[in-house]
């Protein structure tokens, strides 16, 4: 009987720990903090950093492939054979 009681208490503890971790990652709990002070936005004008787009980035071309993307398959080393030792 003592073994089942210990097992149930372990399961309850694991469940409580899992629920605590889940609640800690939840964004909605941020609003429940009674000590949280509302943050005021900084004064001043808001201006875009790059109004005409990021310099040096051409959005009309597709993304470039990595340098090893066009490696010929016949030049790859053979896979290791199972059962062989090095």
Protein backbone atom coordinates (compact mmCIF):
# COMPACT_ATOMS: atom_id res chain seq x y z
CA UNK A 1 0.00 0.00 0.00
CA UNK A 2 2.87 2.37 0.75
CA UNK A 3 4.29 1.90 -2.75
CA UNK A 4 1.07 3.03 -4.47
CA UNK A 5 0.80 6.06 -2.18
CA UNK A 6 4.35 7.06 -3.05
CA UNK A 7 3.62 6.54 -6.75
CA UNK A 8 0.49 8.72 -6.61
CA UNK A 9 2.33 11.47 -4.76
CA UNK A 10 5.11 11.34 -7.37
CA UNK A 11 2.56 11.58 -10.18
CA UNK A 12 0.84 14.52 -8.46
CA UNK A 13 4.16 16.27 -7.96
CA UNK A 14 5.12 15.77 -11.62
CA UNK A 15 1.70 17.03 -12.74
CA UNK A 16 1.97 20.11 -10.51
CA UNK A 17 5.48 20.81 -11.82
CA UNK A 18 4.32 20.47 -15.42
CA UNK A 19 1.36 22.79 -14.84
CA UNK A 20 3.63 25.34 -13.15
CA UNK A 21 6.00 25.30 -16.14
CA UNK A 22 3.07 25.65 -18.54
CA UNK A 23 1.65 28.58 -16.58
CA UNK A 24 5.07 30.25 -16.39
CA UNK A 25 5.32 30.32 -20.18
CA UNK A 26 1.83 31.73 -20.69
CA UNK A 27 1.70 35.38 -21.79
CA UNK A 28 -1.75 35.98 -20.32
CA UNK A 29 -0.38 35.65 -16.79
CA UNK A 30 1.68 38.80 -17.33
CA UNK A 31 -1.49 40.85 -16.93
CA UNK A 32 -2.22 39.37 -13.50
CA UNK A 33 0.79 40.97 -11.79
CA UNK A 34 -0.62 43.58 -9.34
CA UNK A 35 2.81 45.21 -8.85
CA UNK A 36 3.48 45.81 -12.54
CA UNK A 37 3.81 49.49 -13.39
CA UNK A 38 2.49 50.56 -16.80
CA UNK A 39 5.34 51.57 -19.06
CA UNK A 40 5.16 54.94 -20.79
CA UNK A 41 6.44 55.17 -24.36
CA UNK A 42 9.46 57.38 -24.90
CA UNK A 43 8.77 60.87 -26.15
CA UNK A 44 9.75 61.85 -29.68
CA UNK A 45 8.97 61.19 -33.31
CA UNK A 46 8.88 57.67 -34.68
CA UNK A 47 10.75 57.48 -37.97
CA UNK A 48 11.61 54.38 -39.99
CA UNK A 49 15.27 53.38 -39.91
CA UNK A 50 15.37 52.39 -43.60
CA UNK A 51 12.44 54.15 -45.31
CA UNK A 52 13.38 52.92 -48.80
CA UNK A 53 14.44 49.40 -47.77
CA UNK A 54 17.55 47.81 -46.36
CA UNK A 55 20.65 48.97 -48.27
CA UNK A 56 22.41 46.20 -50.17
CA UNK A 57 19.41 43.87 -50.26
CA UNK A 58 17.80 43.27 -53.64
CA UNK A 59 14.30 41.92 -53.07
CA UNK A 60 13.71 41.19 -56.76
CA UNK A 61 16.23 38.30 -56.88
CA UNK A 62 15.70 34.87 -55.32
CA UNK A 63 17.72 33.80 -52.30
CA UNK A 64 21.18 32.50 -53.11
CA UNK A 65 22.02 28.86 -52.43
CA UNK A 66 24.73 27.83 -49.98
CA UNK A 67 28.14 27.16 -51.49
CA UNK A 68 27.87 23.39 -50.98
CA UNK A 69 24.39 23.09 -52.51
CA UNK A 70 25.73 22.17 -55.97
CA UNK A 71 28.21 19.51 -54.84
CA UNK A 72 28.24 16.58 -57.28
CA UNK A 73 26.87 13.43 -55.71
CA UNK A 74 29.51 11.17 -57.29
CA UNK A 75 32.30 12.99 -55.41
CA UNK A 76 30.80 12.40 -51.98
CA UNK A 77 32.61 9.85 -49.77
CA UNK A 78 30.92 6.44 -49.49
CA UNK A 79 28.88 5.83 -46.35
CA UNK A 80 30.57 3.71 -43.67
CA UNK A 81 29.82 0.00 -43.84
CA UNK A 82 28.19 -1.53 -40.79
CA UNK A 83 30.29 -4.03 -38.92
CA UNK A 84 33.64 -2.53 -39.97
CA UNK A 85 35.87 -0.93 -37.39
CA UNK A 86 38.24 1.91 -38.04
